[in-house]
Amino acid sequence: MSDTRISVAVHAADPLSRAGVISHLRHQPSVELVDRTEDPSQTPSQAHRNTSHGTAPAPERVAVMLVDRLDDPAGTELRRLARSAEQRVVLIASELREPELLAVVECGVRAILWRHQATPQKLLRAVHSAARGEGELPPDLINRLMTQLGRLRLSALDGSPSAAGALVPTLGMAPREVDVVRLIAEGLDTKQISEKLAYSERTVKNVLHALMTRLQLQNRAHAVAYALREGYI
C-alpha cells in the first residue's frame, strides 16, 4: 500500500450506521477521516497548502456511502458523490436489484460491499481499491453484473419493443438512452437517429418512450434538459 494517507468521508442517512463505519476506520493509520460536508471543490487549494510548505501531498479522497437500498434520494446523492473528480466512491448496501446495480456501475462506482459482509478488513481493502481506481465487488455481484451486461448486449442487438425498455436502470439513464438523447440535442430527427445508431425507427421511439415514462419527462426537450442537468451529455 502507498504511504499516502487516504482522506475518507462517510455518508449515511442513519447516524448510528455512519458511526459504525467511522469506528471501523478511525484507527487505521492509512486513513484520514474528514467531515462529510467538506466541499470537494476546495481540495486543490488544500493540496496547495499542503505542498507549498514542503509537507506530504494531499491524500487521495474516497467517499464511503452506506444505504439499505438505492431509492431515489440515495441515487441522487450517489450520483453527486460519484461526479466529483476529486474522489472515488465505495458503496455499502443491504441490497441491490439488477437495474440498480447497473445504475451504480454507470455512475462510476467500482467498489461495492454488502452491508452484512462489511468487516473492518474488507472495508479498508475496498477503500484502498477505490483510491487506486480499481474495482472491488463481491463474487455474487460480479456474476450478476456479467449476466446483466450479457442480456443488455442481446437487447441492443434485438430491435423488439420489449427489448427497448428492458434492463434499464431505475435511476438515471442507460447508455443507449444517452446515445439517443445526445443525438436529439444535436438536432437529429427519429429517422436520422435510427440511421446513426443502426436502430429501427421503432426502436428509437421505444427507447424514448421508456425513458420519458420512467423519469416522468414531458417531451424530447425535457429529456435533453434532464440529460444536460444530470451531466450525461
Foldseek 3Di string as FASTA:
>chain_A
DDPFAEEEEEAEPDPVVSVVVCVLVVPDPRYDYDHNPDDLVCVVVVQCVQPVVPHDGHHQYEYEYEEAECDDVNLVVLLVVLPRPRYAYEYEYQDYDQLRLVSNVVSVHFHYHHNVPDHSVSVVVSSVCRSVSHHHDDPVSVVSNVVLVVLLVVLLVDQDLVSLQPSHHLDDGDPVLLLLLVVVVVVDDLVVSCVVSVHDSVSSVSNVVNVCVSVVADDSVSVNVVCVVSVSD
